Amino acid sequence: MQCCVETRELQHSFAGNQPVIDQVSLQVPYHSIYAFLGPNGAGKTTTLRLLTGLLPRQGGEINLFGKALDKNRASLLRQTGTMIESPSIYGHLSAADNLQVWYSYFRCRDYRI
């Protein structure tokens, strides 16, 4: 099975060395929908931050599209879109106008809005 997201024995601890992520191994096949479900403090956001390189990997492996994240981060992140936590939106703008703000911020072409 080919996976677009794969982790092996992923680990992460914050101050106090209390593990937040402990030996997480997951495989998300191509063309699938995957959801993280769990209570506050379960490690969902931490895992996503590790998968996007926003937190340094302390142990284990992370592969996206069959390539190691730590060696290919810039090229891999150009192929992904992530929104962690609540998105910043402007309530007085339409959905298209909100997207236009993000497109102009990241200097992208707006033909897909």
PDB file of N, CA and C in Angstrom:
ATOM      1  N   MET A   1       0.843  -1.174   0.000  1.00  0.00           N
ATOM      2  CA  MET A   1       0.000   0.000   0.000  1.00  0.00           C
ATOM      3  C   MET A   1       0.892   1.243   0.000  1.00  0.00           C
ATOM      4  N   GLN A   2       0.652   2.130  -0.947  1.00  0.00           N
ATOM      5  CA  GLN A   2       1.391   3.386  -0.985  1.00  0.00           C
ATOM      6  C   GLN A   2       0.674   4.411  -0.110  1.00  0.00           C
ATOM      7  N   CYS A   3       1.457   5.155   0.665  1.00  0.00           N
ATOM      8  CA  CYS A   3       0.885   6.120   1.604  1.00  0.00           C
ATOM      9  C   CYS A   3       1.339   7.528   1.272  1.00  0.00           C
ATOM     10  N   CYS A   4       0.425   8.480   1.442  1.00  0.00           N
ATOM     11  CA  CYS A   4       0.809   9.878   1.284  1.00  0.00           C
ATOM     12  C   CYS A   4       1.367  10.427   2.596  1.00  0.00           C
ATOM     13  N   VAL A   5       0.940   9.862   3.720  1.00  0.00           N
ATOM     14  CA  VAL A   5       1.456  10.237   5.038  1.00  0.00           C
ATOM     15  C   VAL A   5       1.787   8.952   5.782  1.00  0.00           C
ATOM     16  N   GLU A   6       2.996   8.912   6.319  1.00  0.00           N
ATOM     17  CA  GLU A   6       3.398   7.747   7.092  1.00  0.00           C
ATOM     18  C   GLU A   6       4.319   8.176   8.222  1.00  0.00           C
ATOM     19  N   THR A   7       4.035   7.692   9.423  1.00  0.00           N
ATOM     20  CA  THR A   7       4.947   7.906  10.551  1.00  0.00           C
ATOM     21  C   THR A   7       5.304   6.548  11.134  1.00  0.00           C
ATOM     22  N   ARG A   8       6.501   6.497  11.685  1.00  0.00           N
ATOM     23  CA  ARG A   8       6.958   5.280  12.373  1.00  0.00           C
ATOM     24  C   ARG A   8       7.530   5.677  13.725  1.00  0.00           C
ATOM     25  N   GLU A   9       6.894   5.176  14.769  1.00  0.00           N
ATOM     26  CA  GLU A   9       7.356   5.386  16.146  1.00  0.00           C
ATOM     27  C   GLU A   9       7.639   6.852  16.454  1.00  0.00           C
ATOM     28  N   LEU A  10       6.748   7.721  16.016  1.00  0.00           N
ATOM     29  CA  LEU A  10       6.889   9.163  16.226  1.00  0.00           C
ATOM     30  C   LEU A  10       6.786   9.486  17.711  1.00  0.00           C
ATOM     31  N   GLN A  11       7.690  10.366  18.180  1.00  0.00           N
ATOM     32  CA  GLN A  11       7.738  10.747  19.588  1.00  0.00           C
ATOM     33  C   GLN A  11       7.906  12.250  19.714  1.00  0.00           C
ATOM     34  N   HIS A  12       7.319  12.809  20.762  1.00  0.00           N
ATOM     35  CA  HIS A  12       7.563  14.217  21.072  1.00  0.00           C
ATOM     36  C   HIS A  12       7.200  14.469  22.526  1.00  0.00           C
ATOM     37  N   SER A  13       8.047  15.239  23.199  1.00  0.00           N
ATOM     38  CA  SER A  13       7.804  15.637  24.587  1.00  0.00           C
ATOM     39  C   SER A  13       8.013  17.131  24.704  1.00  0.00           C
ATOM     40  N   PHE A  14       7.239  17.749  25.574  1.00  0.00           N
ATOM     41  CA  PHE A  14       7.441  19.153  25.897  1.00  0.00           C
ATOM     42  C   PHE A  14       8.196  19.234  27.209  1.00  0.00           C
ATOM     43  N   ALA A  15       8.255  20.406  27.824  1.00  0.00           N
ATOM     44  CA  ALA A  15       8.979  20.599  29.081  1.00  0.00           C
ATOM     45  C   ALA A  15       8.535  19.568  30.114  1.00  0.00           C
ATOM     46  N   GLY A  16       9.477  19.084  30.873  1.00  0.00           N
ATOM     47  CA  GLY A  16       9.188  18.088  31.888  1.00  0.00           C
ATOM     48  C   GLY A  16       9.294  16.673  31.377  1.00  0.00           C
ATOM     49  N   ASN A  17       9.627  16.534  30.089  1.00  0.00           N
ATOM     50  CA  ASN A  17       9.823  15.231  29.451  1.00  0.00           C
ATOM     51  C   ASN A  17       8.609  14.315  29.508  1.00  0.00           C
ATOM     52  N   GLN A  18       7.418  14.865  29.741  1.00  0.00           N
ATOM     53  CA  GLN A  18       6.191  14.066  29.688  1.00  0.00           C
ATOM     54  C   GLN A  18       5.842  13.848  28.217  1.00  0.00           C
ATOM     55  N   PRO A  19       5.823  12.597  27.722  1.00  0.00           N
ATOM     56  CA  PRO A  19       5.538  12.368  26.312  1.00  0.00           C
ATOM     57  C   PRO A  19       4.122  12.802  25.929  1.00  0.00           C
ATOM     58  N   VAL A  20       4.051  13.578  24.862  1.00  0.00           N
ATOM     59  CA  VAL A  20       2.763  13.984  24.298  1.00  0.00           C
ATOM     60  C   VAL A  20       2.422  13.045  23.149  1.00  0.00           C
ATOM     61  N   ILE A  21       3.422  12.705  22.378  1.00  0.00           N
ATOM     62  CA  ILE A  21       3.312  11.729  21.297  1.00  0.00           C
ATOM     63  C   ILE A  21       4.269  10.602  21.661  1.00  0.00           C
ATOM     64  N   ASP A  22       3.773   9.384  21.723  1.00  0.00           N
ATOM     65  CA  ASP A  22       4.601   8.267  22.170  1.00  0.00           C
ATOM     66  C   ASP A  22       4.447   7.070  21.236  1.00  0.00           C
ATOM     67  N   GLN A  23       5.431   6.892  20.362  1.00  0.00           N
ATOM     68  CA  GLN A  23       5.486   5.739  19.468  1.00  0.00           C
ATOM     69  C   GLN A  23       4.294   5.675  18.498  1.00  0.00           C
ATOM     70  N   VAL A  24       3.909   6.817  17.921  1.00  0.00           N
ATOM     71  CA  VAL A  24       2.770   6.849  16.998  1.00  0.00           C
ATOM     72  C   VAL A  24       3.218   6.412  15.608  1.00  0.00           C
ATOM     73  N   SER A  25       2.607   5.356  15.125  1.00  0.00           N
ATOM     74  CA  SER A  25       2.842   4.881  13.764  1.00  0.00           C
ATOM     75  C   SER A  25       1.506   4.904  13.042  1.00  0.00           C
ATOM     76  N   LEU A  26       1.468   5.588  11.913  1.00  0.00           N
ATOM     77  CA  LEU A  26       0.234   5.641  11.144  1.00  0.00           C
ATOM     78  C   LEU A  26       0.555   5.608   9.661  1.00  0.00           C
ATOM     79  N   GLN A  27      -0.422   5.172   8.902  1.00  0.00           N
ATOM     80  CA  GLN A  27      -0.311   5.125   7.448  1.00  0.00           C
ATOM     81  C   GLN A  27      -1.614   5.648   6.867  1.00  0.00           C
ATOM     82  N   VAL A  28      -1.507   6.712   6.079  1.00  0.00           N
ATOM     83  CA  VAL A  28      -2.667   7.279   5.401  1.00  0.00           C
ATOM     84  C   VAL A  28      -2.498   7.004   3.915  1.00  0.00           C
ATOM     85  N   PRO A  29      -3.310   6.105   3.357  1.00  0.00           N
ATOM     86  CA  PRO A  29      -3.179   5.767   1.942  1.00  0.00           C
ATOM     87  C   PRO A  29      -3.556   6.948   1.045  1.00  0.00           C
ATOM     88  N   TYR A  30      -2.985   6.957  -0.146  1.00  0.00           N
ATOM     89  CA  TYR A  30      -3.376   7.945  -1.146  1.00  0.00           C
ATOM     90  C   TYR A  30      -4.885   7.874  -1.380  1.00  0.00           C
ATOM     91  N   HIS A  31      -5.485   8.999  -1.723  1.00  0.00           N
ATOM     92  CA  HIS A  31      -6.907   9.101  -2.096  1.00  0.00           C
ATOM     93  C   HIS A  31      -7.837   8.690  -0.963  1.00  0.00           C
ATOM     94  N   SER A  32      -7.423   8.946   0.269  1.00  0.00           N
ATOM     95  CA  SER A  32      -8.277   8.617   1.405  1.00  0.00           C
ATOM     96  C   SER A  32      -8.561   9.875   2.212  1.00  0.00           C
ATOM     97  N   ILE A  33      -9.532   9.779   3.070  1.00  0.00           N
ATOM     98  CA  ILE A  33      -9.849  10.855   4.013  1.00  0.00           C
ATOM     99  C   ILE A  33      -9.499  10.312   5.390  1.00  0.00           C
ATOM    100  N   TYR A  34      -8.737  11.079   6.140  1.00  0.00           N
ATOM    101  CA  TYR A  34      -8.258  10.636   7.444  1.00  0.00           C
ATOM    102  C   TYR A  34      -8.586  11.716   8.458  1.00  0.00           C
ATOM    103  N   ALA A  35      -9.089  11.346   9.609  1.00  0.00           N
ATOM    104  CA  ALA A  35      -9.438  12.324  10.641  1.00  0.00           C
ATOM    105  C   ALA A  35      -8.739  11.973  11.947  1.00  0.00           C
ATOM    106  N   PHE A  36      -8.287  13.003  12.655  1.00  0.00           N
ATOM    107  CA  PHE A  36      -7.772  12.836  14.010  1.00  0.00           C
ATOM    108  C   PHE A  36      -8.913  13.168  14.964  1.00  0.00           C
ATOM    109  N   LEU A  37      -9.297  12.227  15.756  1.00  0.00           N
ATOM    110  CA  LEU A  37     -10.356  12.434  16.735  1.00  0.00           C
ATOM    111  C   LEU A  37      -9.820  12.105  18.112  1.00  0.00           C
ATOM    112  N   GLY A  38     -10.194  12.909  19.090  1.00  0.00           N
ATOM    113  CA  GLY A  38      -9.778  12.628  20.451  1.00  0.00           C
ATOM    114  C   GLY A  38      -9.988  13.836  21.334  1.00  0.00           C
ATOM    115  N   PRO A  39      -9.899  13.632  22.627  1.00  0.00           N
ATOM    116  CA  PRO A  39     -10.113  14.739  23.572  1.00  0.00           C
ATOM    117  C   PRO A  39      -8.946  15.730  23.554  1.00  0.00           C
ATOM    118  N   ASN A  40      -9.178  16.880  24.179  1.00  0.00           N
ATOM    119  CA  ASN A  40      -8.102  17.857  24.334  1.00  0.00           C
ATOM    120  C   ASN A  40      -6.916  17.186  25.012  1.00  0.00           C
ATOM    121  N   GLY A  41      -5.723  17.490  24.510  1.00  0.00           N
ATOM    122  CA  GLY A  41      -4.509  16.937  25.104  1.00  0.00           C
ATOM    123  C   GLY A  41      -4.114  15.570  24.577  1.00  0.00           C
ATOM    124  N   ALA A  42      -4.857  15.063  23.603  1.00  0.00           N
ATOM    125  CA  ALA A  42      -4.552  13.728  23.076  1.00  0.00           C
ATOM    126  C   ALA A  42      -3.352  13.719  22.129  1.00  0.00           C
ATOM    127  N   GLY A  43      -2.931  14.895  21.648  1.00  0.00           N
ATOM    128  CA  GLY A  43      -1.769  14.969  20.769  1.00  0.00           C
ATOM    129  C   GLY A  43      -2.092  15.204  19.297  1.00  0.00           C
ATOM    130  N   LYS A  44      -3.332  15.536  18.993  1.00  0.00           N
ATOM    131  CA  LYS A  44      -3.726  15.754  17.592  1.00  0.00           C
ATOM    132  C   LYS A  44      -2.972  16.928  16.970  1.00  0.00           C
ATOM    133  N   THR A  45      -3.012  18.063  17.606  1.00  0.00           N
ATOM    134  CA  THR A  45      -2.350  19.253  17.071  1.00  0.00           C
ATOM    135  C   THR A  45      -0.839  19.066  17.041  1.00  0.00           C
ATOM    136  N   THR A  46      -0.281  18.463  18.070  1.00  0.00           N
ATOM    137  CA  THR A  46       1.161  18.208  18.100  1.00  0.00           C
ATOM    138  C   THR A  46       1.571  17.323  16.933  1.00  0.00           C
ATOM    139  N   THR A  47       0.784  16.291  16.653  1.00  0.00           N
ATOM    140  CA  THR A  47       1.092  15.417  15.519  1.00  0.00           C
ATOM    141  C   THR A  47       1.066  16.193  14.214  1.00  0.00           C
ATOM    142  N   LEU A  48       0.051  17.024  14.015  1.00  0.00           N
ATOM    143  CA  LEU A  48      -0.026  17.822  12.787  1.00  0.00           C
ATOM    144  C   LEU A  48       1.146  18.800  12.681  1.00  0.00           C
ATOM    145  N   ARG A  49       1.542  19.378  13.793  1.00  0.00           N
ATOM    146  CA  ARG A  49       2.691  20.291  13.769  1.00  0.00           C
ATOM    147  C   ARG A  49       3.980  19.546  13.431  1.00  0.00           C
ATOM    148  N   LEU A  50       4.097  18.320  13.879  1.00  0.00           N
ATOM    149  CA  LEU A  50       5.258  17.503  13.511  1.00  0.00           C
ATOM    150  C   LEU A  50       5.219  17.157  12.021  1.00  0.00           C
ATOM    151  N   LEU A  51       4.030  16.828  11.514  1.00  0.00           N
ATOM    152  CA  LEU A  51       3.890  16.457  10.103  1.00  0.00           C
ATOM    153  C   LEU A  51       4.194  17.608   9.155  1.00  0.00           C
ATOM    154  N   THR A  52       4.064  18.839   9.628  1.00  0.00           N
ATOM    155  CA  THR A  52       4.350  19.999   8.785  1.00  0.00           C
ATOM    156  C   THR A  52       5.701  20.634   9.099  1.00  0.00           C
ATOM    157  N   GLY A  53       6.433  20.050  10.034  1.00  0.00           N
ATOM    158  CA  GLY A  53       7.746  20.587  10.371  1.00  0.00           C
ATOM    159  C   GLY A  53       7.707  21.820  11.242  1.00  0.00           C
ATOM    160  N   LEU A  54       6.539  22.157  11.794  1.00  0.00           N
ATOM    161  CA  LEU A  54       6.449  23.307  12.693  1.00  0.00           C
ATOM    162  C   LEU A  54       7.065  23.009  14.047  1.00  0.00           C
ATOM    163  N   LEU A  55       7.144  21.744  14.394  1.00  0.00           N
ATOM    164  CA  LEU A  55       7.869  21.285  15.582  1.00  0.00           C
ATOM    165  C   LEU A  55       8.969  20.346  15.117  1.00  0.00           C
ATOM    166  N   PRO A  56      10.118  20.396  15.767  1.00  0.00           N
ATOM    167  CA  PRO A  56      11.189  19.475  15.375  1.00  0.00           C
ATOM    168  C   PRO A  56      10.869  18.046  15.816  1.00  0.00           C
ATOM    169  N   ARG A  57      11.164  17.120  14.952  1.00  0.00           N
ATOM    170  CA  ARG A  57      10.955  15.699  15.257  1.00  0.00           C
ATOM    171  C   ARG A  57      11.999  15.277  16.281  1.00  0.00           C
ATOM    172  N   GLN A  58      11.556  14.674  17.383  1.00  0.00           N
ATOM    173  CA  GLN A  58      12.472  14.223  18.432  1.00  0.00           C
ATOM    174  C   GLN A  58      12.774  12.738  18.332  1.00  0.00           C
ATOM    175  N   GLY A  59      11.910  12.008  17.689  1.00  0.00           N
ATOM    176  CA  GLY A  59      12.128  10.579  17.532  1.00  0.00           C
ATOM    177  C   GLY A  59      11.157  10.013  16.521  1.00  0.00           C
ATOM    178  N   GLY A  60      11.562   8.962  15.854  1.00  0.00           N
ATOM    179  CA  GLY A  60      10.727   8.332  14.856  1.00  0.00           C
ATOM    180  C   GLY A  60      10.973   8.901  13.471  1.00  0.00           C
ATOM    181  N   GLU A  61      10.107   8.526  12.545  1.00  0.00           N
ATOM    182  CA  GLU A  61      10.247   8.947  11.152  1.00  0.00           C
ATOM    183  C   GLU A  61       8.941   9.538  10.642  1.00  0.00           C
ATOM    184  N   ILE A  62       9.070  10.505   9.731  1.00  0.00           N
ATOM    185  CA  ILE A  62       7.917  11.097   9.059  1.00  0.00           C
ATOM    186  C   ILE A  62       8.197  11.087   7.567  1.00  0.00           C
ATOM    187  N   ASN A  63       7.292  10.479   6.816  1.00  0.00           N
ATOM    188  CA  ASN A  63       7.394  10.471   5.353  1.00  0.00           C
ATOM    189  C   ASN A  63       6.104  11.015   4.763  1.00  0.00           C
ATOM    190  N   LEU A  64       6.251  11.919   3.808  1.00  0.00           N
ATOM    191  CA  LEU A  64       5.123  12.438   3.051  1.00  0.00           C
ATOM    192  C   LEU A  64       5.370  12.114   1.586  1.00  0.00           C
ATOM    193  N   PHE A  65       4.373  11.555   0.933  1.00  0.00           N
ATOM    194  CA  PHE A  65       4.476  11.192  -0.483  1.00  0.00           C
ATOM    195  C   PHE A  65       5.701  10.316  -0.753  1.00  0.00           C
ATOM    196  N   GLY A  66       6.054   9.471   0.210  1.00  0.00           N
ATOM    197  CA  GLY A  66       7.159   8.547   0.047  1.00  0.00           C
ATOM    198  C   GLY A  66       8.539   9.133   0.271  1.00  0.00           C
ATOM    199  N   LYS A  67       8.610  10.384   0.752  1.00  0.00           N
ATOM    200  CA  LYS A  67       9.905  11.041   0.983  1.00  0.00           C
ATOM    201  C   LYS A  67      10.011  11.487   2.436  1.00  0.00           C
ATOM    202  N   ALA A  68      11.236  11.459   2.956  1.00  0.00           N
ATOM    203  CA  ALA A  68      11.480  11.884   4.342  1.00  0.00           C
ATOM    204  C   ALA A  68      11.244  13.383   4.482  1.00  0.00           C
ATOM    205  N   LEU A  69      10.428  13.768   5.460  1.00  0.00           N
ATOM    206  CA  LEU A  69      10.116  15.181   5.678  1.00  0.00           C
ATOM    207  C   LEU A  69      11.357  15.987   6.007  1.00  0.00           C
ATOM    208  N   ASP A  70      12.220  15.471   6.880  1.00  0.00           N
ATOM    209  CA  ASP A  70      13.374  16.258   7.312  1.00  0.00           C
ATOM    210  C   ASP A  70      14.347  16.568   6.178  1.00  0.00           C
ATOM    211  N   LYS A  71      14.381  15.762   5.136  1.00  0.00           N
ATOM    212  CA  LYS A  71      15.301  16.002   4.018  1.00  0.00           C
ATOM    213  C   LYS A  71      14.650  16.719   2.842  1.00  0.00           C
ATOM    214  N   ASN A  72      13.316  16.786   2.826  1.00  0.00           N
ATOM    215  CA  ASN A  72      12.596  17.332   1.671  1.00  0.00           C
ATOM    216  C   ASN A  72      11.487  18.298   2.070  1.00  0.00           C
ATOM    217  N   ARG A  73      11.618  18.949   3.220  1.00  0.00           N
ATOM    218  CA  ARG A  73      10.518  19.738   3.775  1.00  0.00           C
ATOM    219  C   ARG A  73       9.981  20.781   2.805  1.00  0.00           C
ATOM    220  N   ALA A  74      10.825  21.604   2.230  1.00  0.00           N
ATOM    221  CA  ALA A  74      10.355  22.700   1.374  1.00  0.00           C
ATOM    222  C   ALA A  74       9.570  22.170   0.175  1.00  0.00           C
ATOM    223  N   SER A  75      10.094  21.184  -0.511  1.00  0.00           N
ATOM    224  CA  SER A  75       9.397  20.676  -1.694  1.00  0.00           C
ATOM    225  C   SER A  75       8.120  19.933  -1.310  1.00  0.00           C
ATOM    226  N   LEU A  76       8.120  19.224  -0.189  1.00  0.00           N
ATOM    227  CA  LEU A  76       6.929  18.494   0.232  1.00  0.00           C
ATOM    228  C   LEU A  76       5.810  19.441   0.670  1.00  0.00           C
ATOM    229  N   LEU A  77       6.165  20.497   1.380  1.00  0.00           N
ATOM    230  CA  LEU A  77       5.138  21.421   1.854  1.00  0.00           C
ATOM    231  C   LEU A  77       4.521  22.224   0.717  1.00  0.00           C
ATOM    232  N   ARG A  78       5.229  22.354  -0.401  1.00  0.00           N
ATOM    233  CA  ARG A  78       4.628  23.003  -1.569  1.00  0.00           C
ATOM    234  C   ARG A  78       3.505  22.156  -2.157  1.00  0.00           C
ATOM    235  N   GLN A  79       3.465  20.884  -1.810  1.00  0.00           N
ATOM    236  CA  GLN A  79       2.442  19.968  -2.318  1.00  0.00           C
ATOM    237  C   GLN A  79       1.273  19.789  -1.347  1.00  0.00           C
ATOM    238  N   THR A  80       1.321  20.460  -0.208  1.00  0.00           N
ATOM    239  CA  THR A  80       0.298  20.253   0.815  1.00  0.00           C
ATOM    240  C   THR A  80      -0.364  21.561   1.190  1.00  0.00           C
ATOM    241  N   GLY A  81      -1.496  21.458   1.818  1.00  0.00           N
ATOM    242  CA  GLY A  81      -2.181  22.601   2.399  1.00  0.00           C
ATOM    243  C   GLY A  81      -2.596  22.228   3.806  1.00  0.00           C
ATOM    244  N   THR A  82      -2.280  23.058   4.760  1.00  0.00           N
ATOM    245  CA  THR A  82      -2.635  22.759   6.146  1.00  0.00           C
ATOM    246  C   THR A  82      -3.229  23.981   6.814  1.00  0.00           C
ATOM    247  N   MET A  83      -4.112  23.733   7.754  1.00  0.00           N
ATOM    248  CA  MET A  83      -4.666  24.796   8.578  1.00  0.00           C
ATOM    249  C   MET A  83      -4.802  24.200   9.969  1.00  0.00           C
ATOM    250  N   ILE A  84      -3.932  24.613  10.852  1.00  0.00           N
ATOM    251  CA  ILE A  84      -3.917  24.067  12.206  1.00  0.00           C
ATOM    252  C   ILE A  84      -4.551  25.084  13.141  1.00  0.00           C
ATOM    253  N   GLU A  85      -5.464  24.606  13.973  1.00  0.00           N
ATOM    254  CA  GLU A  85      -6.248  25.424  14.886  1.00  0.00           C
ATOM    255  C   GLU A  85      -7.289  26.211  14.099  1.00  0.00           C
ATOM    256  N   SER A  86      -7.697  27.344  14.607  1.00  0.00           N
ATOM    257  CA  SER A  86      -8.752  28.120  13.958  1.00  0.00           C
ATOM    258  C   SER A  86      -8.178  28.999  12.860  1.00  0.00           C
ATOM    259  N   PRO A  87      -8.820  29.029  11.709  1.00  0.00           N
ATOM    260  CA  PRO A  87      -8.330  29.875  10.634  1.00  0.00           C
ATOM    261  C   PRO A  87      -8.616  31.346  10.932  1.00  0.00           C
ATOM    262  N   SER A  88      -7.735  32.208  10.439  1.00  0.00           N
ATOM    263  CA  SER A  88      -7.977  33.642  10.559  1.00  0.00           C
ATOM    264  C   SER A  88      -8.839  34.058   9.381  1.00  0.00           C
ATOM    265  N   ILE A  89     -10.060  34.472   9.689  1.00  0.00           N
ATOM    266  CA  ILE A  89     -10.947  34.949   8.630  1.00  0.00           C
ATOM    267  C   ILE A  89     -11.516  36.288   9.046  1.00  0.00           C
ATOM    268  N   TYR A  90     -11.940  37.019   8.074  1.00  0.00           N
ATOM    269  CA  TYR A  90     -12.559  38.314   8.301  1.00  0.00           C
ATOM    270  C   TYR A  90     -14.050  38.167   8.058  1.00  0.00           C
ATOM    271  N   GLY A  91     -14.847  38.350   9.106  1.00  0.00           N
ATOM    272  CA  GLY A  91     -16.287  38.146   9.033  1.00  0.00           C
ATOM    273  C   GLY A  91     -17.007  39.087   8.088  1.00  0.00           C
ATOM    274  N   HIS A  92     -16.427  40.254   7.838  1.00  0.00           N
ATOM    275  CA  HIS A  92     -17.084  41.220   6.954  1.00  0.00           C
ATOM    276  C   HIS A  92     -16.777  40.964   5.477  1.00  0.00           C
ATOM    277  N   LEU A  93     -15.900  39.987   5.181  1.00  0.00           N
ATOM    278  CA  LEU A  93     -15.552  39.658   3.803  1.00  0.00           C
ATOM    279  C   LEU A  93     -16.233  38.367   3.371  1.00  0.00           C
ATOM    280  N   SER A  94     -16.454  38.247   2.074  1.00  0.00           N
ATOM    281  CA  SER A  94     -17.000  36.998   1.534  1.00  0.00           C
ATOM    282  C   SER A  94     -15.919  35.918   1.591  1.00  0.00           C
ATOM    283  N   ALA A  95     -16.330  34.676   1.351  1.00  0.00           N
ATOM    284  CA  ALA A  95     -15.364  33.577   1.327  1.00  0.00           C
ATOM    285  C   ALA A  95     -14.305  33.831   0.262  1.00  0.00           C
ATOM    286  N   ALA A  96     -14.721  34.270  -0.927  1.00  0.00           N
ATOM    287  CA  ALA A  96     -13.766  34.542  -2.007  1.00  0.00           C
ATOM    288  C   ALA A  96     -12.806  35.662  -1.621  1.00  0.00           C
ATOM    289  N   ASP A  97     -13.325  36.700  -0.960  1.00  0.00           N
ATOM    290  CA  ASP A  97     -12.460  37.811  -0.542  1.00  0.00           C
ATOM    291  C   ASP A  97     -11.471  37.360   0.533  1.00  0.00           C
ATOM    292  N   ASN A  98     -11.899  36.496   1.445  1.00  0.00           N
ATOM    293  CA  ASN A  98     -10.982  35.958   2.442  1.00  0.00           C
ATOM    294  C   ASN A  98      -9.868  35.164   1.766  1.00  0.00           C
ATOM    295  N   LEU A  99     -10.218  34.335   0.776  1.00  0.00           N
ATOM    296  CA  LEU A  99      -9.198  33.590   0.043  1.00  0.00           C
ATOM    297  C   LEU A  99      -8.262  34.529  -0.706  1.00  0.00           C
ATOM    298  N   GLN A 100      -8.792  35.601  -1.234  1.00  0.00           N
ATOM    299  CA  GLN A 100      -7.960  36.581  -1.946  1.00  0.00           C
ATOM    300  C   GLN A 100      -6.908  37.174  -1.011  1.00  0.00           C
ATOM    301  N   VAL A 101      -7.280  37.412   0.240  1.00  0.00           N
ATOM    302  CA  VAL A 101      -6.317  37.926   1.224  1.00  0.00           C
ATOM    303  C   VAL A 101      -5.165  36.943   1.366  1.00  0.00           C
ATOM    304  N   TRP A 102      -5.480  35.658   1.514  1.00  0.00           N
ATOM    305  CA  TRP A 102      -4.433  34.646   1.669  1.00  0.00           C
ATOM    306  C   TRP A 102      -3.606  34.500   0.401  1.00  0.00           C
ATOM    307  N   TYR A 103      -4.261  34.521  -0.750  1.00  0.00           N
ATOM    308  CA  TYR A 103      -3.520  34.403  -2.006  1.00  0.00           C
ATOM    309  C   TYR A 103      -2.552  35.568  -2.174  1.00  0.00           C
ATOM    310  N   SER A 104      -2.988  36.778  -1.826  1.00  0.00           N
ATOM    311  CA  SER A 104      -2.084  37.925  -1.968  1.00  0.00           C
ATOM    312  C   SER A 104      -0.953  37.863  -0.951  1.00  0.00           C
ATOM    313  N   TYR A 105      -1.251  37.359   0.241  1.00  0.00           N
ATOM    314  CA  TYR A 105      -0.230  37.229   1.273  1.00  0.00           C
ATOM    315  C   TYR A 105       0.867  36.257   0.832  1.00  0.00           C
ATOM    316  N   PHE A 106       0.462  35.135   0.242  1.00  0.00           N
ATOM    317  CA  PHE A 106       1.424  34.132  -0.184  1.00  0.00           C
ATOM    318  C   PHE A 106       1.856  34.305  -1.637  1.00  0.00           C
ATOM    319  N   ARG A 107       1.393  35.375  -2.265  1.00  0.00           N
ATOM    320  CA  ARG A 107       1.768  35.717  -3.646  1.00  0.00           C
ATOM    321  C   ARG A 107       1.499  34.566  -4.620  1.00  0.00           C
ATOM    322  N   CYS A 108       0.322  33.995  -4.492  1.00  0.00           N
ATOM    323  CA  CYS A 108      -0.098  32.916  -5.368  1.00  0.00           C
ATOM    324  C   CYS A 108      -1.020  33.467  -6.453  1.00  0.00           C
ATOM    325  N   ARG A 109      -1.196  32.713  -7.496  1.00  0.00           N
ATOM    326  CA  ARG A 109      -2.172  33.074  -8.518  1.00  0.00           C
ATOM    327  C   ARG A 109      -3.563  32.801  -7.970  1.00  0.00           C
ATOM    328  N   ASP A 110      -4.500  33.648  -8.344  1.00  0.00           N
ATOM    329  CA  ASP A 110      -5.846  33.526  -7.762  1.00  0.00           C
ATOM    330  C   ASP A 110      -6.849  32.832  -8.680  1.00  0.00           C
ATOM    331  N   TYR A 111      -6.402  32.171  -9.715  1.00  0.00           N
ATOM    332  CA  TYR A 111      -7.329  31.564 -10.664  1.00  0.00           C
ATOM    333  C   TYR A 111      -8.161  30.428 -10.067  1.00  0.00           C
ATOM    334  N   ARG A 112      -7.776  29.903  -8.914  1.00  0.00           N
ATOM    335  CA  ARG A 112      -8.530  28.786  -8.319  1.00  0.00           C
ATOM    336  C   ARG A 112      -9.555  29.244  -7.284  1.00  0.00           C
ATOM    337  N   ILE A 113      -9.643  30.534  -7.023  1.00  0.00           N
ATOM    338  CA  ILE A 113     -10.622  31.020  -6.041  1.00  0.00           C
ATOM    339  C   ILE A 113     -12.028  30.857  -6.606  1.00  0.00           C
TER     340      ILE A 113
END
